[in-house]
């Protein structure tokens, strides 16, 4: 427990920036119109692809169990976000396709 507290105290500025970034991201994303959602999702997929690669690199250099677990969690969450983004993008693009008429 002391190690966790020490980590938070040593990195409080970085943690504060991450928390502010989360709130700013939520605020920005909540005001995006529906028309821009698909291009925004494509960009998010690209970003999370980089997150997955970074997490794999972290796991490759891990000498302890904590970096290995955090890297694995990052890979799983990044992969879920990429797959979910592709599914949502596909469903949104499906709305713009012409429907086939039966004869």
PDB file of N, CA and C in Angstrom:
ATOM      1  N   UNK A   1       0.825  -1.191   0.000  1.00  0.00           N
ATOM      2  CA  UNK A   1       0.000   0.000   0.000  1.00  0.00           C
ATOM      3  C   UNK A   1       0.867   1.252   0.000  1.00  0.00           C
ATOM      4  N   UNK A   2       1.977   1.202   0.743  1.00  0.00           N
ATOM      5  CA  UNK A   2       2.864   2.358   0.788  1.00  0.00           C
ATOM      6  C   UNK A   2       3.481   2.652  -0.569  1.00  0.00           C
ATOM      7  N   UNK A   3       3.754   1.585  -1.351  1.00  0.00           N
ATOM      8  CA  UNK A   3       4.332   1.785  -2.674  1.00  0.00           C
ATOM      9  C   UNK A   3       3.356   2.474  -3.605  1.00  0.00           C
ATOM     10  N   UNK A   4       2.076   2.119  -3.511  1.00  0.00           N
ATOM     11  CA  UNK A   4       1.058   2.743  -4.346  1.00  0.00           C
ATOM     12  C   UNK A   4       0.911   4.212  -3.976  1.00  0.00           C
ATOM     13  N   UNK A   5       0.861   4.500  -2.696  1.00  0.00           N
ATOM     14  CA  UNK A   5       0.755   5.876  -2.236  1.00  0.00           C
ATOM     15  C   UNK A   5       1.973   6.685  -2.654  1.00  0.00           C
ATOM     16  N   UNK A   6       3.151   6.093  -2.541  1.00  0.00           N
ATOM     17  CA  UNK A   6       4.379   6.763  -2.961  1.00  0.00           C
ATOM     18  C   UNK A   6       4.352   7.057  -4.458  1.00  0.00           C
ATOM     19  N   UNK A   7       3.851   6.089  -5.262  1.00  0.00           N
ATOM     20  CA  UNK A   7       3.746   6.287  -6.702  1.00  0.00           C
ATOM     21  C   UNK A   7       2.834   7.467  -7.020  1.00  0.00           C
ATOM     22  N   UNK A   8       1.668   7.518  -6.368  1.00  0.00           N
ATOM     23  CA  UNK A   8       0.737   8.618  -6.611  1.00  0.00           C
ATOM     24  C   UNK A   8       1.316   9.961  -6.191  1.00  0.00           C
ATOM     25  N   UNK A   9       2.028   9.992  -5.090  1.00  0.00           N
ATOM     26  CA  UNK A   9       2.613  11.247  -4.637  1.00  0.00           C
ATOM     27  C   UNK A   9       3.748  11.715  -5.560  1.00  0.00           C
ATOM     28  N   UNK A  10       4.535  10.782  -6.067  1.00  0.00           N
ATOM     29  CA  UNK A  10       5.629  11.147  -6.963  1.00  0.00           C
ATOM     30  C   UNK A  10       5.131  11.575  -8.338  1.00  0.00           C
ATOM     31  N   UNK A  11       3.993  11.059  -8.755  1.00  0.00           N
ATOM     32  CA  UNK A  11       3.477  11.324 -10.101  1.00  0.00           C
ATOM     33  C   UNK A  11       2.164  12.089 -10.080  1.00  0.00           C
ATOM     34  N   UNK A  12       1.926  12.886  -9.077  1.00  0.00           N
ATOM     35  CA  UNK A  12       0.626  13.540  -8.946  1.00  0.00           C
ATOM     36  C   UNK A  12       0.337  14.509 -10.081  1.00  0.00           C
ATOM     37  N   UNK A  13       1.377  15.169 -10.632  1.00  0.00           N
ATOM     38  CA  UNK A  13       1.144  16.094 -11.745  1.00  0.00           C
ATOM     39  C   UNK A  13       0.666  15.337 -12.980  1.00  0.00           C
ATOM     40  N   UNK A  14       1.303  14.215 -13.294  1.00  0.00           N
ATOM     41  CA  UNK A  14       0.911  13.425 -14.454  1.00  0.00           C
ATOM     42  C   UNK A  14      -0.490  12.843 -14.266  1.00  0.00           C
ATOM     43  N   UNK A  15      -0.794  12.388 -13.069  1.00  0.00           N
ATOM     44  CA  UNK A  15      -2.121  11.839 -12.786  1.00  0.00           C
ATOM     45  C   UNK A  15      -3.180  12.922 -12.912  1.00  0.00           C
ATOM     46  N   UNK A  16      -2.872  14.126 -12.437  1.00  0.00           N
ATOM     47  CA  UNK A  16      -3.787  15.261 -12.550  1.00  0.00           C
ATOM     48  C   UNK A  16      -4.051  15.586 -14.023  1.00  0.00           C
ATOM     49  N   UNK A  17      -3.023  15.564 -14.848  1.00  0.00           N
ATOM     50  CA  UNK A  17      -3.182  15.847 -16.281  1.00  0.00           C
ATOM     51  C   UNK A  17      -4.037  14.766 -16.947  1.00  0.00           C
ATOM     52  N   UNK A  18      -3.830  13.517 -16.567  1.00  0.00           N
ATOM     53  CA  UNK A  18      -4.626  12.426 -17.143  1.00  0.00           C
ATOM     54  C   UNK A  18      -6.097  12.581 -16.764  1.00  0.00           C
ATOM     55  N   UNK A  19      -6.370  12.920 -15.512  1.00  0.00           N
ATOM     56  CA  UNK A  19      -7.758  13.098 -15.061  1.00  0.00           C
ATOM     57  C   UNK A  19      -8.408  14.261 -15.807  1.00  0.00           C
ATOM     58  N   UNK A  20      -7.683  15.366 -15.947  1.00  0.00           N
ATOM     59  CA  UNK A  20      -8.228  16.505 -16.699  1.00  0.00           C
ATOM     60  C   UNK A  20      -8.460  16.134 -18.163  1.00  0.00           C
ATOM     61  N   UNK A  21      -7.567  15.339 -18.740  1.00  0.00           N
ATOM     62  CA  UNK A  21      -7.727  14.907 -20.129  1.00  0.00           C
ATOM     63  C   UNK A  21      -8.973  14.053 -20.304  1.00  0.00           C
ATOM     64  N   UNK A  22      -9.246  13.205 -19.342  1.00  0.00           N
ATOM     65  CA  UNK A  22     -10.451  12.375 -19.414  1.00  0.00           C
ATOM     66  C   UNK A  22     -11.697  13.255 -19.416  1.00  0.00           C
ATOM     67  N   UNK A  23     -11.772  14.212 -18.507  1.00  0.00           N
ATOM     68  CA  UNK A  23     -12.931  15.096 -18.454  1.00  0.00           C
ATOM     69  C   UNK A  23     -13.051  15.948 -19.711  1.00  0.00           C
ATOM     70  N   UNK A  24     -11.938  16.443 -20.212  1.00  0.00           N
ATOM     71  CA  UNK A  24     -11.960  17.236 -21.438  1.00  0.00           C
ATOM     72  C   UNK A  24     -12.405  16.382 -22.623  1.00  0.00           C
ATOM     73  N   UNK A  25     -11.911  15.146 -22.705  1.00  0.00           N
ATOM     74  CA  UNK A  25     -12.313  14.251 -23.782  1.00  0.00           C
ATOM     75  C   UNK A  25     -13.793  13.945 -23.753  1.00  0.00           C
ATOM     76  N   UNK A  26     -14.329  13.695 -22.573  1.00  0.00           N
ATOM     77  CA  UNK A  26     -15.766  13.427 -22.450  1.00  0.00           C
ATOM     78  C   UNK A  26     -16.567  14.639 -22.896  1.00  0.00           C
ATOM     79  N   UNK A  27     -16.137  15.821 -22.506  1.00  0.00           N
ATOM     80  CA  UNK A  27     -16.845  17.048 -22.871  1.00  0.00           C
ATOM     81  C   UNK A  27     -16.797  17.287 -24.376  1.00  0.00           C
ATOM     82  N   UNK A  28     -15.647  17.068 -24.984  1.00  0.00           N
ATOM     83  CA  UNK A  28     -15.510  17.291 -26.429  1.00  0.00           C
ATOM     84  C   UNK A  28     -16.324  16.267 -27.206  1.00  0.00           C
ATOM     85  N   UNK A  29     -16.205  14.997 -26.853  1.00  0.00           N
ATOM     86  CA  UNK A  29     -16.896  13.935 -27.584  1.00  0.00           C
ATOM     87  C   UNK A  29     -18.413  14.069 -27.457  1.00  0.00           C
ATOM     88  N   UNK A  30     -18.891  14.521 -26.315  1.00  0.00           N
ATOM     89  CA  UNK A  30     -20.347  14.627 -26.137  1.00  0.00           C
ATOM     90  C   UNK A  30     -20.958  15.714 -27.015  1.00  0.00           C
ATOM     91  N   UNK A  31     -20.141  16.638 -27.528  1.00  0.00           N
ATOM     92  CA  UNK A  31     -20.659  17.707 -28.376  1.00  0.00           C
ATOM     93  C   UNK A  31     -20.379  17.484 -29.867  1.00  0.00           C
ATOM     94  N   UNK A  32     -19.956  16.290 -30.248  1.00  0.00           N
ATOM     95  CA  UNK A  32     -19.687  15.986 -31.655  1.00  0.00           C
ATOM     96  C   UNK A  32     -21.003  15.636 -32.339  1.00  0.00           C
ATOM     97  N   UNK A  33     -21.304  16.304 -33.473  1.00  0.00           N
ATOM     98  CA  UNK A  33     -22.541  15.967 -34.182  1.00  0.00           C
ATOM     99  C   UNK A  33     -22.472  14.569 -34.804  1.00  0.00           C
ATOM    100  N   UNK A  34     -23.609  13.998 -35.079  1.00  0.00           N
ATOM    101  CA  UNK A  34     -23.687  12.633 -35.624  1.00  0.00           C
ATOM    102  C   UNK A  34     -22.969  12.495 -36.959  1.00  0.00           C
ATOM    103  N   UNK A  35     -22.975  13.546 -37.763  1.00  0.00           N
ATOM    104  CA  UNK A  35     -22.356  13.492 -39.086  1.00  0.00           C
ATOM    105  C   UNK A  35     -20.844  13.276 -38.971  1.00  0.00           C
ATOM    106  N   UNK A  36     -20.231  13.791 -37.924  1.00  0.00           N
ATOM    107  CA  UNK A  36     -18.788  13.671 -37.765  1.00  0.00           C
ATOM    108  C   UNK A  36     -18.376  12.436 -36.976  1.00  0.00           C
ATOM    109  N   UNK A  37     -19.336  11.639 -36.548  1.00  0.00           N
ATOM    110  CA  UNK A  37     -19.007  10.508 -35.690  1.00  0.00           C
ATOM    111  C   UNK A  37     -18.157   9.468 -36.409  1.00  0.00           C
ATOM    112  N   UNK A  38     -18.478   9.160 -37.668  1.00  0.00           N
ATOM    113  CA  UNK A  38     -17.744   8.125 -38.395  1.00  0.00           C
ATOM    114  C   UNK A  38     -16.290   8.503 -38.621  1.00  0.00           C
ATOM    115  N   UNK A  39     -15.970   9.727 -39.113  1.00  0.00           N
ATOM    116  CA  UNK A  39     -14.548  10.086 -39.250  1.00  0.00           C
ATOM    117  C   UNK A  39     -13.823  10.127 -37.902  1.00  0.00           C
ATOM    118  N   UNK A  40     -14.517  10.559 -36.869  1.00  0.00           N
ATOM    119  CA  UNK A  40     -13.907  10.604 -35.544  1.00  0.00           C
ATOM    120  C   UNK A  40     -13.609   9.193 -35.048  1.00  0.00           C
ATOM    121  N   UNK A  41     -14.509   8.256 -35.324  1.00  0.00           N
ATOM    122  CA  UNK A  41     -14.304   6.872 -34.906  1.00  0.00           C
ATOM    123  C   UNK A  41     -13.132   6.252 -35.645  1.00  0.00           C
ATOM    124  N   UNK A  42     -12.967   6.596 -36.917  1.00  0.00           N
ATOM    125  CA  UNK A  42     -11.836   6.072 -37.674  1.00  0.00           C
ATOM    126  C   UNK A  42     -10.516   6.566 -37.083  1.00  0.00           C
ATOM    127  N   UNK A  43     -10.488   7.824 -36.686  1.00  0.00           N
ATOM    128  CA  UNK A  43      -9.285   8.355 -36.028  1.00  0.00           C
ATOM    129  C   UNK A  43      -9.020   7.686 -34.699  1.00  0.00           C
ATOM    130  N   UNK A  44     -10.084   7.432 -33.940  1.00  0.00           N
ATOM    131  CA  UNK A  44      -9.919   6.756 -32.650  1.00  0.00           C
ATOM    132  C   UNK A  44      -9.413   5.335 -32.844  1.00  0.00           C
ATOM    133  N   UNK A  45      -9.857   4.672 -33.905  1.00  0.00           N
ATOM    134  CA  UNK A  45      -9.357   3.326 -34.184  1.00  0.00           C
ATOM    135  C   UNK A  45      -7.860   3.348 -34.456  1.00  0.00           C
ATOM    136  N   UNK A  46      -7.403   4.344 -35.207  1.00  0.00           N
ATOM    137  CA  UNK A  46      -5.971   4.455 -35.493  1.00  0.00           C
ATOM    138  C   UNK A  46      -5.181   4.706 -34.216  1.00  0.00           C
ATOM    139  N   UNK A  47      -5.693   5.567 -33.353  1.00  0.00           N
ATOM    140  CA  UNK A  47      -5.012   5.875 -32.095  1.00  0.00           C
ATOM    141  C   UNK A  47      -4.935   4.633 -31.215  1.00  0.00           C
ATOM    142  N   UNK A  48      -6.013   3.878 -31.147  1.00  0.00           N
ATOM    143  CA  UNK A  48      -6.006   2.695 -30.296  1.00  0.00           C
ATOM    144  C   UNK A  48      -5.162   1.574 -30.884  1.00  0.00           C
ATOM    145  N   UNK A  49      -4.976   1.595 -32.191  1.00  0.00           N
ATOM    146  CA  UNK A  49      -4.015   0.665 -32.782  1.00  0.00           C
ATOM    147  C   UNK A  49      -2.618   0.940 -32.271  1.00  0.00           C
ATOM    148  N   UNK A  50      -2.279   2.222 -32.126  1.00  0.00           N
ATOM    149  CA  UNK A  50      -0.981   2.603 -31.566  1.00  0.00           C
ATOM    150  C   UNK A  50      -0.896   2.208 -30.096  1.00  0.00           C
ATOM    151  N   UNK A  51      -1.992   2.351 -29.372  1.00  0.00           N
ATOM    152  CA  UNK A  51      -2.025   1.953 -27.961  1.00  0.00           C
ATOM    153  C   UNK A  51      -1.758   0.454 -27.830  1.00  0.00           C
ATOM    154  N   UNK A  52      -2.336  -0.329 -28.713  1.00  0.00           N
ATOM    155  CA  UNK A  52      -2.124  -1.782 -28.666  1.00  0.00           C
ATOM    156  C   UNK A  52      -0.657  -2.111 -28.911  1.00  0.00           C
ATOM    157  N   UNK A  53      -0.051  -1.476 -29.903  1.00  0.00           N
ATOM    158  CA  UNK A  53       1.373  -1.721 -30.191  1.00  0.00           C
ATOM    159  C   UNK A  53       2.234  -1.307 -28.995  1.00  0.00           C
ATOM    160  N   UNK A  54       1.938  -0.149 -28.397  1.00  0.00           N
ATOM    161  CA  UNK A  54       2.684   0.299 -27.225  1.00  0.00           C
ATOM    162  C   UNK A  54       2.544  -0.653 -26.053  1.00  0.00           C
ATOM    163  N   UNK A  55       1.334  -1.175 -25.850  1.00  0.00           N
ATOM    164  CA  UNK A  55       1.114  -2.115 -24.751  1.00  0.00           C
ATOM    165  C   UNK A  55       1.866  -3.417 -24.982  1.00  0.00           C
ATOM    166  N   UNK A  56       1.937  -3.855 -26.233  1.00  0.00           N
ATOM    167  CA  UNK A  56       2.691  -5.065 -26.534  1.00  0.00           C
ATOM    168  C   UNK A  56       4.181  -4.845 -26.269  1.00  0.00           C
ATOM    169  N   UNK A  57       4.671  -3.651 -26.605  1.00  0.00           N
ATOM    170  CA  UNK A  57       6.081  -3.324 -26.330  1.00  0.00           C
ATOM    171  C   UNK A  57       6.339  -3.306 -24.824  1.00  0.00           C
ATOM    172  N   UNK A  58       5.420  -2.712 -24.059  1.00  0.00           N
ATOM    173  CA  UNK A  58       5.562  -2.691 -22.600  1.00  0.00           C
ATOM    174  C   UNK A  58       5.599  -4.104 -22.050  1.00  0.00           C
ATOM    175  N   UNK A  59       4.728  -4.962 -22.558  1.00  0.00           N
ATOM    176  CA  UNK A  59       4.705  -6.341 -22.076  1.00  0.00           C
ATOM    177  C   UNK A  59       5.996  -7.072 -22.441  1.00  0.00           C
ATOM    178  N   UNK A  60       6.579  -6.733 -23.586  1.00  0.00           N
ATOM    179  CA  UNK A  60       7.821  -7.376 -23.998  1.00  0.00           C
ATOM    180  C   UNK A  60       9.002  -7.003 -23.137  1.00  0.00           C
ATOM    181  N   UNK A  61       8.975  -5.801 -22.557  1.00  0.00           N
ATOM    182  CA  UNK A  61      10.073  -5.333 -21.710  1.00  0.00           C
ATOM    183  C   UNK A  61       9.780  -5.495 -20.223  1.00  0.00           C
ATOM    184  N   UNK A  62       8.674  -6.120 -19.884  1.00  0.00           N
ATOM    185  CA  UNK A  62       8.277  -6.239 -18.479  1.00  0.00           C
ATOM    186  C   UNK A  62       9.145  -7.270 -17.760  1.00  0.00           C
ATOM    187  N   UNK A  63       9.638  -6.859 -16.584  1.00  0.00           N
ATOM    188  CA  UNK A  63      10.400  -7.773 -15.736  1.00  0.00           C
ATOM    189  C   UNK A  63       9.630  -8.109 -14.463  1.00  0.00           C
ATOM    190  N   UNK A  64       8.504  -7.444 -14.284  1.00  0.00           N
ATOM    191  CA  UNK A  64       7.676  -7.619 -13.098  1.00  0.00           C
ATOM    192  C   UNK A  64       6.276  -8.027 -13.527  1.00  0.00           C
ATOM    193  N   UNK A  65       5.471  -8.423 -12.563  1.00  0.00           N
ATOM    194  CA  UNK A  65       4.104  -8.843 -12.885  1.00  0.00           C
ATOM    195  C   UNK A  65       3.196  -7.637 -13.143  1.00  0.00           C
ATOM    196  N   UNK A  66       3.396  -6.502 -12.454  1.00  0.00           N
ATOM    197  CA  UNK A  66       2.522  -5.339 -12.613  1.00  0.00           C
ATOM    198  C   UNK A  66       2.573  -4.778 -14.032  1.00  0.00           C
ATOM    199  N   UNK A  67       3.754  -4.519 -14.613  1.00  0.00           N
ATOM    200  CA  UNK A  67       3.755  -4.043 -16.005  1.00  0.00           C
ATOM    201  C   UNK A  67       3.157  -5.066 -16.974  1.00  0.00           C
ATOM    202  N   UNK A  68       3.344  -6.337 -16.685  1.00  0.00           N
ATOM    203  CA  UNK A  68       2.784  -7.370 -17.558  1.00  0.00           C
ATOM    204  C   UNK A  68       1.255  -7.344 -17.505  1.00  0.00           C
ATOM    205  N   UNK A  69       0.699  -7.224 -16.313  1.00  0.00           N
ATOM    206  CA  UNK A  69      -0.756  -7.180 -16.160  1.00  0.00           C
ATOM    207  C   UNK A  69      -1.321  -5.907 -16.775  1.00  0.00           C
ATOM    208  N   UNK A  70      -0.682  -4.767 -16.519  1.00  0.00           N
ATOM    209  CA  UNK A  70      -1.156  -3.505 -17.098  1.00  0.00           C
ATOM    210  C   UNK A  70      -1.073  -3.521 -18.617  1.00  0.00           C
ATOM    211  N   UNK A  71      -0.004  -4.089 -19.154  1.00  0.00           N
ATOM    212  CA  UNK A  71       0.127  -4.212 -20.604  1.00  0.00           C
ATOM    213  C   UNK A  71      -0.956  -5.095 -21.192  1.00  0.00           C
ATOM    214  N   UNK A  72      -1.247  -6.210 -20.519  1.00  0.00           N
ATOM    215  CA  UNK A  72      -2.298  -7.111 -20.988  1.00  0.00           C
ATOM    216  C   UNK A  72      -3.658  -6.428 -20.964  1.00  0.00           C
ATOM    217  N   UNK A  73      -3.949  -5.709 -19.881  1.00  0.00           N
ATOM    218  CA  UNK A  73      -5.223  -4.984 -19.780  1.00  0.00           C
ATOM    219  C   UNK A  73      -5.318  -3.933 -20.881  1.00  0.00           C
ATOM    220  N   UNK A  74      -4.209  -3.232 -21.156  1.00  0.00           N
ATOM    221  CA  UNK A  74      -4.212  -2.228 -22.220  1.00  0.00           C
ATOM    222  C   UNK A  74      -4.451  -2.866 -23.583  1.00  0.00           C
ATOM    223  N   UNK A  75      -3.858  -4.034 -23.822  1.00  0.00           N
ATOM    224  CA  UNK A  75      -4.076  -4.730 -25.097  1.00  0.00           C
ATOM    225  C   UNK A  75      -5.544  -5.135 -25.225  1.00  0.00           C
ATOM    226  N   UNK A  76      -6.113  -5.685 -24.174  1.00  0.00           N
ATOM    227  CA  UNK A  76      -7.512  -6.130 -24.226  1.00  0.00           C
ATOM    228  C   UNK A  76      -8.452  -4.944 -24.438  1.00  0.00           C
ATOM    229  N   UNK A  77      -8.281  -3.885 -23.659  1.00  0.00           N
ATOM    230  CA  UNK A  77      -9.172  -2.726 -23.786  1.00  0.00           C
ATOM    231  C   UNK A  77      -8.991  -2.021 -25.128  1.00  0.00           C
ATOM    232  N   UNK A  78      -7.752  -1.896 -25.589  1.00  0.00           N
ATOM    233  CA  UNK A  78      -7.508  -1.291 -26.895  1.00  0.00           C
ATOM    234  C   UNK A  78      -8.130  -2.103 -28.014  1.00  0.00           C
ATOM    235  N   UNK A  79      -8.021  -3.416 -27.923  1.00  0.00           N
ATOM    236  CA  UNK A  79      -8.605  -4.285 -28.943  1.00  0.00           C
ATOM    237  C   UNK A  79     -10.129  -4.190 -28.933  1.00  0.00           C
ATOM    238  N   UNK A  80     -10.716  -4.169 -27.749  1.00  0.00           N
ATOM    239  CA  UNK A  80     -12.171  -4.008 -27.665  1.00  0.00           C
ATOM    240  C   UNK A  80     -12.614  -2.688 -28.278  1.00  0.00           C
ATOM    241  N   UNK A  81     -11.860  -1.637 -28.048  1.00  0.00           N
ATOM    242  CA  UNK A  81     -12.221  -0.334 -28.597  1.00  0.00           C
ATOM    243  C   UNK A  81     -12.085  -0.314 -30.110  1.00  0.00           C
ATOM    244  N   UNK A  82     -11.022  -0.918 -30.635  1.00  0.00           N
ATOM    245  CA  UNK A  82     -10.848  -0.956 -32.088  1.00  0.00           C
ATOM    246  C   UNK A  82     -11.970  -1.765 -32.738  1.00  0.00           C
ATOM    247  N   UNK A  83     -12.250  -2.944 -32.221  1.00  0.00           N
ATOM    248  CA  UNK A  83     -13.308  -3.788 -32.800  1.00  0.00           C
ATOM    249  C   UNK A  83     -14.664  -3.098 -32.674  1.00  0.00           C
ATOM    250  N   UNK A  84     -14.940  -2.535 -31.507  1.00  0.00           N
ATOM    251  CA  UNK A  84     -16.200  -1.808 -31.327  1.00  0.00           C
ATOM    252  C   UNK A  84     -16.313  -0.625 -32.258  1.00  0.00           C
ATOM    253  N   UNK A  85     -15.203   0.066 -32.477  1.00  0.00           N
ATOM    254  CA  UNK A  85     -15.208   1.205 -33.395  1.00  0.00           C
ATOM    255  C   UNK A  85     -15.515   0.783 -34.817  1.00  0.00           C
ATOM    256  N   UNK A  86     -14.933  -0.332 -35.245  1.00  0.00           N
ATOM    257  CA  UNK A  86     -15.225  -0.822 -36.590  1.00  0.00           C
ATOM    258  C   UNK A  86     -16.687  -1.251 -36.719  1.00  0.00           C
ATOM    259  N   UNK A  87     -17.223  -1.868 -35.694  1.00  0.00           N
ATOM    260  CA  UNK A  87     -18.627  -2.288 -35.734  1.00  0.00           C
ATOM    261  C   UNK A  87     -19.547  -1.078 -35.819  1.00  0.00           C
ATOM    262  N   UNK A  88     -19.289  -0.069 -34.990  1.00  0.00           N
ATOM    263  CA  UNK A  88     -20.121   1.142 -35.003  1.00  0.00           C
ATOM    264  C   UNK A  88     -19.990   1.862 -36.333  1.00  0.00           C
ATOM    265  N   UNK A  89     -18.765   1.970 -36.845  1.00  0.00           N
ATOM    266  CA  UNK A  89     -18.555   2.637 -38.126  1.00  0.00           C
ATOM    267  C   UNK A  89     -19.288   1.902 -39.233  1.00  0.00           C
ATOM    268  N   UNK A  90     -19.214   0.584 -39.243  1.00  0.00           N
ATOM    269  CA  UNK A  90     -19.903  -0.202 -40.263  1.00  0.00           C
ATOM    270  C   UNK A  90     -21.410   0.000 -40.180  1.00  0.00           C
ATOM    271  N   UNK A  91     -21.949   0.022 -38.983  1.00  0.00           N
ATOM    272  CA  UNK A  91     -23.391   0.223 -38.820  1.00  0.00           C
ATOM    273  C   UNK A  91     -23.818   1.614 -39.271  1.00  0.00           C
ATOM    274  N   UNK A  92     -22.989   2.616 -39.000  1.00  0.00           N
ATOM    275  CA  UNK A  92     -23.333   3.975 -39.432  1.00  0.00           C
ATOM    276  C   UNK A  92     -23.245   4.099 -40.950  1.00  0.00           C
ATOM    277  N   UNK A  93     -22.227   3.482 -41.562  1.00  0.00           N
ATOM    278  CA  UNK A  93     -22.116   3.531 -43.013  1.00  0.00           C
ATOM    279  C   UNK A  93     -23.237   2.760 -43.686  1.00  0.00           C
ATOM    280  N   UNK A  94     -23.749   1.742 -43.020  1.00  0.00           N
ATOM    281  CA  UNK A  94     -24.876   0.966 -43.546  1.00  0.00           C
ATOM    282  C   UNK A  94     -26.113   1.856 -43.716  1.00  0.00           C
ATOM    283  N   UNK A  95     -26.269   2.865 -42.892  1.00  0.00           N
ATOM    284  CA  UNK A  95     -27.421   3.764 -42.996  1.00  0.00           C
ATOM    285  C   UNK A  95     -27.386   4.569 -44.289  1.00  0.00           C
ATOM    286  N   UNK A  96     -26.192   4.797 -44.859  1.00  0.00           N
ATOM    287  CA  UNK A  96     -26.071   5.624 -46.048  1.00  0.00           C
ATOM    288  C   UNK A  96     -26.092   4.809 -47.345  1.00  0.00           C
ATOM    289  N   UNK A  97     -26.100   3.485 -47.256  1.00  0.00           N
ATOM    290  CA  UNK A  97     -26.144   2.650 -48.446  1.00  0.00           C
ATOM    291  C   UNK A  97     -27.571   2.573 -48.965  1.00  0.00           C
ATOM    292  N   UNK A  98     -27.659   2.475 -50.291  1.00  0.00           N
ATOM    293  CA  UNK A  98     -28.985   2.350 -50.885  1.00  0.00           C
ATOM    294  C   UNK A  98     -29.535   0.961 -50.608  1.00  0.00           C
ATOM    295  N   UNK A  99     -30.788   0.903 -50.306  1.00  0.00           N
ATOM    296  CA  UNK A  99     -31.430  -0.357 -50.024  1.00  0.00           C
ATOM    297  C   UNK A  99     -31.768  -1.041 -51.342  1.00  0.00           C
ATOM    298  N   UNK A 100     -31.557  -2.363 -51.393  1.00  0.00           N
ATOM    299  CA  UNK A 100     -31.896  -3.132 -52.584  1.00  0.00           C
ATOM    300  C   UNK A 100     -33.402  -3.361 -52.615  1.00  0.00           C
ATOM    301  N   UNK A 101     -33.973  -3.160 -53.786  1.00  0.00           N
ATOM    302  CA  UNK A 101     -35.405  -3.386 -53.913  1.00  0.00           C
ATOM    303  C   UNK A 101     -35.651  -4.775 -54.482  1.00  0.00           C
ATOM    304  N   UNK A 102     -36.675  -5.424 -53.961  1.00  0.00           N
ATOM    305  CA  UNK A 102     -37.030  -6.759 -54.440  1.00  0.00           C
ATOM    306  C   UNK A 102     -37.953  -6.636 -55.626  1.00  0.00           C
ATOM    307  N   UNK A 103     -37.764  -7.502 -56.604  1.00  0.00           N
ATOM    308  CA  UNK A 103     -38.619  -7.471 -57.800  1.00  0.00           C
ATOM    309  C   UNK A 103     -39.601  -8.586 -57.782  1.00  0.00           C
TER     310      UNK A 103
END
